N, C-alpha and C. Protein backbone atom coordinates (compact mmCIF):
# COMPACT_ATOMS: atom_id res chain seq x y z
N MET A 1 130.96 200.92 182.91
CA MET A 1 129.96 199.99 183.37
C MET A 1 129.87 200.09 184.89
N SER A 2 128.68 200.10 185.41
CA SER A 2 128.47 200.20 186.85
C SER A 2 128.83 198.89 187.53
N SER A 3 129.33 199.01 188.76
CA SER A 3 129.72 197.81 189.49
C SER A 3 128.63 197.37 190.47
N ALA A 4 127.43 197.96 190.38
CA ALA A 4 126.35 197.60 191.29
C ALA A 4 125.93 196.16 191.06
N ARG A 5 125.93 195.40 192.15
CA ARG A 5 125.54 193.99 192.09
C ARG A 5 124.45 193.77 193.14
N PRO A 6 123.50 192.88 192.85
CA PRO A 6 122.45 192.63 193.83
C PRO A 6 122.97 191.85 195.04
N ASN A 7 122.39 192.15 196.20
CA ASN A 7 122.72 191.36 197.38
C ASN A 7 121.92 190.06 197.33
N LEU A 8 122.06 189.23 198.36
CA LEU A 8 121.42 187.91 198.34
C LEU A 8 119.90 188.00 198.22
N LEU A 9 119.26 188.88 199.00
CA LEU A 9 117.80 189.00 198.94
C LEU A 9 117.34 189.54 197.59
N GLN A 10 118.07 190.52 197.05
CA GLN A 10 117.72 191.05 195.73
C GLN A 10 117.89 189.98 194.66
N ARG A 11 118.94 189.19 194.77
CA ARG A 11 119.19 188.14 193.78
C ARG A 11 118.08 187.09 193.82
N ILE A 12 117.67 186.70 195.01
CA ILE A 12 116.58 185.72 195.13
C ILE A 12 115.30 186.30 194.53
N GLY A 13 115.01 187.55 194.86
CA GLY A 13 113.83 188.21 194.27
C GLY A 13 113.92 188.26 192.76
N TYR A 14 115.10 188.57 192.25
CA TYR A 14 115.32 188.63 190.79
C TYR A 14 115.06 187.27 190.16
N MET A 15 115.50 186.20 190.83
CA MET A 15 115.32 184.85 190.28
C MET A 15 113.86 184.45 190.21
N VAL A 16 113.03 185.02 191.09
CA VAL A 16 111.61 184.67 191.05
C VAL A 16 110.77 185.71 190.30
N GLY A 17 111.44 186.68 189.64
CA GLY A 17 110.73 187.59 188.76
C GLY A 17 110.61 189.03 189.21
N ARG A 18 111.16 189.38 190.35
CA ARG A 18 111.07 190.77 190.80
C ARG A 18 112.12 191.62 190.09
N PRO A 19 111.80 192.87 189.81
CA PRO A 19 112.80 193.74 189.16
C PRO A 19 113.84 194.24 190.17
N LEU A 20 115.00 194.56 189.65
CA LEU A 20 116.07 195.13 190.46
C LEU A 20 116.05 196.65 190.32
N PRO A 21 116.70 197.38 191.22
CA PRO A 21 116.75 198.84 191.11
C PRO A 21 117.43 199.27 189.80
N PRO A 22 117.10 200.47 189.30
CA PRO A 22 117.65 200.94 188.02
C PRO A 22 119.17 200.99 187.97
N GLU A 23 119.85 201.20 189.10
CA GLU A 23 121.31 201.28 189.06
C GLU A 23 121.96 199.92 188.77
N MET A 24 121.18 198.86 188.72
CA MET A 24 121.72 197.53 188.43
C MET A 24 121.41 197.08 187.00
N GLN A 25 121.06 198.03 186.12
CA GLN A 25 120.74 197.67 184.74
C GLN A 25 121.90 197.00 184.02
N ASP A 26 123.12 197.45 184.28
CA ASP A 26 124.27 196.82 183.63
C ASP A 26 124.40 195.36 184.05
N TRP A 27 124.16 195.10 185.32
CA TRP A 27 124.25 193.73 185.81
C TRP A 27 123.16 192.88 185.16
N VAL A 28 121.95 193.42 185.06
CA VAL A 28 120.83 192.69 184.44
C VAL A 28 121.14 192.41 182.97
N ARG A 29 121.64 193.43 182.26
CA ARG A 29 121.97 193.25 180.85
C ARG A 29 123.00 192.13 180.69
N ASN A 30 124.02 192.14 181.53
CA ASN A 30 125.04 191.08 181.44
C ASN A 30 124.47 189.73 181.84
N ASP A 31 123.58 189.70 182.82
CA ASP A 31 122.99 188.43 183.24
C ASP A 31 122.16 187.81 182.13
N ILE A 32 121.44 188.63 181.39
CA ILE A 32 120.55 188.13 180.35
C ILE A 32 121.30 187.88 179.04
N LEU A 33 122.15 188.82 178.65
CA LEU A 33 122.77 188.76 177.32
C LEU A 33 124.24 188.37 177.35
N GLY A 34 124.86 188.41 178.50
CA GLY A 34 126.29 188.15 178.60
C GLY A 34 126.64 186.69 178.45
N PRO A 35 127.93 186.40 178.54
CA PRO A 35 128.38 185.00 178.45
C PRO A 35 127.73 184.15 179.54
N GLY A 36 127.20 183.03 179.16
CA GLY A 36 126.55 182.13 180.12
C GLY A 36 125.11 182.48 180.43
N GLY A 37 124.56 183.47 179.75
CA GLY A 37 123.17 183.88 180.02
C GLY A 37 122.17 182.77 179.76
N MET A 38 122.37 182.03 178.69
CA MET A 38 121.45 180.93 178.38
C MET A 38 121.56 179.84 179.45
N ARG A 39 122.77 179.52 179.85
CA ARG A 39 122.97 178.50 180.87
C ARG A 39 122.30 178.91 182.19
N ARG A 40 122.49 180.18 182.60
CA ARG A 40 121.87 180.65 183.84
C ARG A 40 120.35 180.57 183.76
N TYR A 41 119.80 180.98 182.62
CA TYR A 41 118.35 180.93 182.43
C TYR A 41 117.84 179.49 182.57
N LEU A 42 118.48 178.56 181.87
CA LEU A 42 118.02 177.17 181.90
C LEU A 42 118.16 176.56 183.28
N LEU A 43 119.24 176.88 183.98
CA LEU A 43 119.39 176.37 185.35
C LEU A 43 118.31 176.93 186.26
N ARG A 44 118.03 178.22 186.13
CA ARG A 44 117.01 178.84 186.99
C ARG A 44 115.62 178.27 186.74
N TRP A 45 115.34 177.87 185.51
CA TRP A 45 114.02 177.33 185.20
C TRP A 45 113.90 175.85 185.49
N ASN A 46 114.97 175.10 185.29
CA ASN A 46 114.85 173.65 185.34
C ASN A 46 115.26 173.02 186.66
N LEU A 47 116.22 173.58 187.35
CA LEU A 47 116.64 172.98 188.62
C LEU A 47 115.56 172.97 189.70
N PRO A 48 114.76 174.02 189.85
CA PRO A 48 113.74 173.98 190.91
C PRO A 48 112.68 172.91 190.72
N VAL A 49 112.51 172.40 189.53
CA VAL A 49 111.49 171.38 189.26
C VAL A 49 111.96 170.00 189.71
N ILE A 50 113.25 169.78 189.72
CA ILE A 50 113.78 168.44 190.03
C ILE A 50 113.36 167.95 191.41
N PRO A 51 113.47 168.76 192.48
CA PRO A 51 113.02 168.24 193.79
C PRO A 51 111.53 167.84 193.80
N LEU A 52 110.71 168.59 193.07
CA LEU A 52 109.29 168.23 192.99
C LEU A 52 109.10 166.90 192.27
N LEU A 53 109.88 166.68 191.23
CA LEU A 53 109.76 165.43 190.49
C LEU A 53 110.25 164.23 191.30
N LEU A 54 111.13 164.47 192.24
CA LEU A 54 111.65 163.36 193.05
C LEU A 54 110.56 162.72 193.91
N PHE A 55 109.47 163.44 194.13
CA PHE A 55 108.36 162.85 194.88
C PHE A 55 107.77 161.64 194.17
N PHE A 56 107.94 161.56 192.85
CA PHE A 56 107.46 160.40 192.11
C PHE A 56 108.16 159.12 192.54
N LEU A 57 109.34 159.24 193.12
CA LEU A 57 110.06 158.05 193.59
C LEU A 57 109.36 157.39 194.77
N LEU A 58 108.40 158.07 195.37
CA LEU A 58 107.64 157.49 196.48
C LEU A 58 106.54 156.56 196.01
N ILE A 59 106.28 156.55 194.72
CA ILE A 59 105.25 155.66 194.16
C ILE A 59 105.75 154.22 194.24
N PRO A 60 104.95 153.33 194.82
CA PRO A 60 105.42 151.94 194.94
C PRO A 60 105.46 151.25 193.58
N GLY A 61 106.32 150.27 193.50
CA GLY A 61 106.45 149.50 192.27
C GLY A 61 107.87 149.57 191.75
N PRO A 62 108.06 149.04 190.55
CA PRO A 62 109.40 149.07 189.96
C PRO A 62 109.88 150.50 189.75
N VAL A 63 111.18 150.72 189.91
CA VAL A 63 111.73 152.07 189.85
C VAL A 63 111.57 152.71 188.46
N TRP A 64 111.43 151.91 187.42
CA TRP A 64 111.30 152.48 186.09
C TRP A 64 109.98 153.23 185.91
N ILE A 65 108.97 152.89 186.68
CA ILE A 65 107.67 153.57 186.55
C ILE A 65 107.78 155.02 187.01
N PRO A 66 108.24 155.31 188.24
CA PRO A 66 108.36 156.72 188.61
C PRO A 66 109.40 157.47 187.77
N LEU A 67 110.47 156.79 187.36
CA LEU A 67 111.47 157.46 186.52
C LEU A 67 110.87 157.86 185.18
N SER A 68 110.07 156.97 184.60
CA SER A 68 109.44 157.31 183.31
C SER A 68 108.41 158.42 183.48
N MET A 69 107.71 158.43 184.61
CA MET A 69 106.75 159.50 184.87
C MET A 69 107.49 160.84 185.01
N MET A 70 108.61 160.82 185.72
CA MET A 70 109.41 162.03 185.88
C MET A 70 109.90 162.52 184.51
N LEU A 71 110.36 161.61 183.69
CA LEU A 71 110.86 161.96 182.38
C LEU A 71 109.75 162.53 181.49
N LEU A 72 108.55 161.95 181.59
CA LEU A 72 107.42 162.46 180.80
C LEU A 72 107.05 163.89 181.16
N LEU A 73 107.32 164.30 182.37
CA LEU A 73 107.06 165.68 182.77
C LEU A 73 108.26 166.59 182.52
N PHE A 74 109.46 166.09 182.76
CA PHE A 74 110.65 166.92 182.69
C PHE A 74 111.03 167.28 181.26
N LEU A 75 110.93 166.34 180.33
CA LEU A 75 111.32 166.63 178.95
C LEU A 75 110.50 167.75 178.32
N PRO A 76 109.16 167.74 178.42
CA PRO A 76 108.41 168.88 177.87
C PRO A 76 108.72 170.18 178.62
N TRP A 77 108.96 170.09 179.93
CA TRP A 77 109.31 171.28 180.71
C TRP A 77 110.58 171.92 180.14
N VAL A 78 111.60 171.11 179.89
CA VAL A 78 112.85 171.62 179.33
C VAL A 78 112.62 172.15 177.93
N TYR A 79 111.87 171.42 177.12
CA TYR A 79 111.58 171.85 175.75
C TYR A 79 110.93 173.23 175.72
N PHE A 80 109.90 173.41 176.54
CA PHE A 80 109.20 174.69 176.54
C PHE A 80 110.03 175.80 177.19
N SER A 81 110.88 175.45 178.14
CA SER A 81 111.73 176.49 178.72
C SER A 81 112.71 177.00 177.67
N VAL A 82 113.22 176.12 176.82
CA VAL A 82 114.10 176.56 175.74
C VAL A 82 113.31 177.35 174.70
N ALA A 83 112.11 176.86 174.35
CA ALA A 83 111.30 177.53 173.33
C ALA A 83 110.87 178.93 173.76
N LEU A 84 110.65 179.13 175.03
CA LEU A 84 110.16 180.43 175.53
C LEU A 84 111.27 181.32 176.09
N MET A 85 112.51 180.92 175.92
CA MET A 85 113.61 181.68 176.49
C MET A 85 113.65 183.12 175.98
N ARG A 86 113.53 183.32 174.68
CA ARG A 86 113.59 184.69 174.12
C ARG A 86 112.43 185.55 174.62
N VAL A 87 111.26 184.95 174.78
CA VAL A 87 110.11 185.69 175.29
C VAL A 87 110.39 186.18 176.71
N TRP A 88 110.93 185.29 177.54
CA TRP A 88 111.25 185.64 178.92
C TRP A 88 112.36 186.69 178.97
N GLN A 89 113.38 186.53 178.14
CA GLN A 89 114.47 187.50 178.13
C GLN A 89 113.97 188.87 177.71
N ARG A 90 113.13 188.91 176.71
CA ARG A 90 112.56 190.19 176.25
C ARG A 90 111.75 190.83 177.39
N HIS A 91 110.96 190.04 178.07
CA HIS A 91 110.17 190.54 179.20
C HIS A 91 111.07 191.11 180.29
N ARG A 92 112.14 190.36 180.63
CA ARG A 92 113.04 190.82 181.70
C ARG A 92 113.76 192.11 181.30
N LEU A 93 114.15 192.25 180.04
CA LEU A 93 114.77 193.49 179.58
C LEU A 93 113.80 194.65 179.72
N GLN A 94 112.56 194.47 179.27
CA GLN A 94 111.55 195.53 179.38
C GLN A 94 111.26 195.85 180.83
N GLN A 95 111.19 194.84 181.66
CA GLN A 95 110.90 195.02 183.08
C GLN A 95 111.94 195.90 183.76
N HIS A 96 113.18 195.84 183.28
CA HIS A 96 114.26 196.62 183.89
C HIS A 96 114.58 197.88 183.11
N GLY A 97 113.69 198.28 182.20
CA GLY A 97 113.87 199.53 181.47
C GLY A 97 114.93 199.47 180.39
N LEU A 98 115.26 198.28 179.91
CA LEU A 98 116.25 198.12 178.86
C LEU A 98 115.54 197.87 177.53
N ASP A 99 116.20 198.19 176.45
CA ASP A 99 115.63 198.01 175.12
C ASP A 99 115.58 196.53 174.76
N PRO A 100 114.39 195.97 174.50
CA PRO A 100 114.30 194.54 174.15
C PRO A 100 114.97 194.23 172.81
N GLU A 101 115.28 195.26 172.02
CA GLU A 101 115.96 195.02 170.75
C GLU A 101 117.42 194.62 170.95
N LEU A 102 117.89 194.67 172.20
CA LEU A 102 119.24 194.18 172.50
C LEU A 102 119.37 192.72 172.12
N LEU A 103 118.27 191.96 172.23
CA LEU A 103 118.29 190.55 171.81
C LEU A 103 118.57 190.44 170.32
N SER A 104 117.93 191.31 169.53
CA SER A 104 118.16 191.30 168.08
C SER A 104 119.57 191.73 167.75
N ALA A 105 120.08 192.73 168.48
CA ALA A 105 121.44 193.21 168.23
C ALA A 105 122.45 192.11 168.48
N LYS A 106 122.23 191.33 169.51
CA LYS A 106 123.14 190.22 169.81
C LYS A 106 123.09 189.18 168.68
N ALA A 107 121.90 188.86 168.21
CA ALA A 107 121.75 187.89 167.12
C ALA A 107 122.37 188.43 165.83
N GLN A 108 122.21 189.73 165.55
CA GLN A 108 122.79 190.31 164.35
C GLN A 108 124.31 190.30 164.42
N ALA A 109 124.87 190.58 165.59
CA ALA A 109 126.33 190.55 165.75
C ALA A 109 126.85 189.13 165.54
N ARG A 110 126.14 188.15 166.07
CA ARG A 110 126.55 186.76 165.88
C ARG A 110 126.48 186.37 164.40
N ALA A 111 125.41 186.79 163.70
CA ALA A 111 125.28 186.48 162.28
C ALA A 111 126.39 187.15 161.47
N ALA A 112 126.76 188.37 161.84
CA ALA A 112 127.84 189.07 161.13
C ALA A 112 129.17 188.35 161.34
N ARG A 113 129.41 187.88 162.58
CA ARG A 113 130.65 187.13 162.84
C ARG A 113 130.68 185.84 162.03
N GLU A 114 129.54 185.14 161.97
CA GLU A 114 129.48 183.88 161.21
C GLU A 114 129.69 184.14 159.72
N ARG A 115 129.10 185.20 159.20
CA ARG A 115 129.26 185.52 157.78
C ARG A 115 130.71 185.87 157.48
N GLU A 116 131.33 186.67 158.36
CA GLU A 116 132.73 187.03 158.17
C GLU A 116 133.62 185.80 158.21
N ASP A 117 133.33 184.89 159.12
CA ASP A 117 134.10 183.65 159.20
C ASP A 117 133.91 182.82 157.92
N TYR A 118 132.68 182.75 157.44
CA TYR A 118 132.39 182.03 156.20
C TYR A 118 133.14 182.65 155.03
N GLU A 119 133.07 183.97 154.92
CA GLU A 119 133.76 184.66 153.83
C GLU A 119 135.27 184.41 153.90
N ARG A 120 135.82 184.41 155.09
CA ARG A 120 137.26 184.18 155.24
C ARG A 120 137.62 182.74 154.84
N ARG A 121 136.81 181.77 155.26
CA ARG A 121 137.08 180.37 154.91
C ARG A 121 136.96 180.11 153.41
N MET A 122 136.04 180.83 152.75
CA MET A 122 135.83 180.62 151.33
C MET A 122 136.74 181.50 150.47
N GLY A 123 137.62 182.26 151.10
CA GLY A 123 138.58 183.07 150.35
C GLY A 123 137.98 184.30 149.70
N ARG A 124 136.89 184.79 150.20
CA ARG A 124 136.23 185.95 149.60
C ARG A 124 136.66 187.26 150.24
N VAL A 125 137.37 187.18 151.36
CA VAL A 125 137.82 188.38 152.05
C VAL A 125 139.32 188.51 151.83
N ALA A 126 139.73 189.71 151.53
CA ALA A 126 141.16 189.94 151.27
C ALA A 126 141.97 189.90 152.54
């Protein structure tokens, strides 16, 4: 596995959608599919919205009004970010010249582990 890692400017560009050089494909694969990939994706999509939503606190009146307005915008934002995660991951893999079927391979490996665990718990495996 290559040890090429993006520098600060490359990482910022990557976070806003720019591709990284081809020698960083291993890093990209691990970022998208590796441990914590879902958490990193959700943080990158949802944290930048919070400062914008804080502007609602400038609305005069009881504090529950701007908080409820923030919640009405933030909950669907989070919902759709989760719903579109696989689409974005597939796009990022293609953008960096990686096979988008890696997402399916990861899901198949997880399903095989779960089936093996089930078989072991039910006494079907020797």
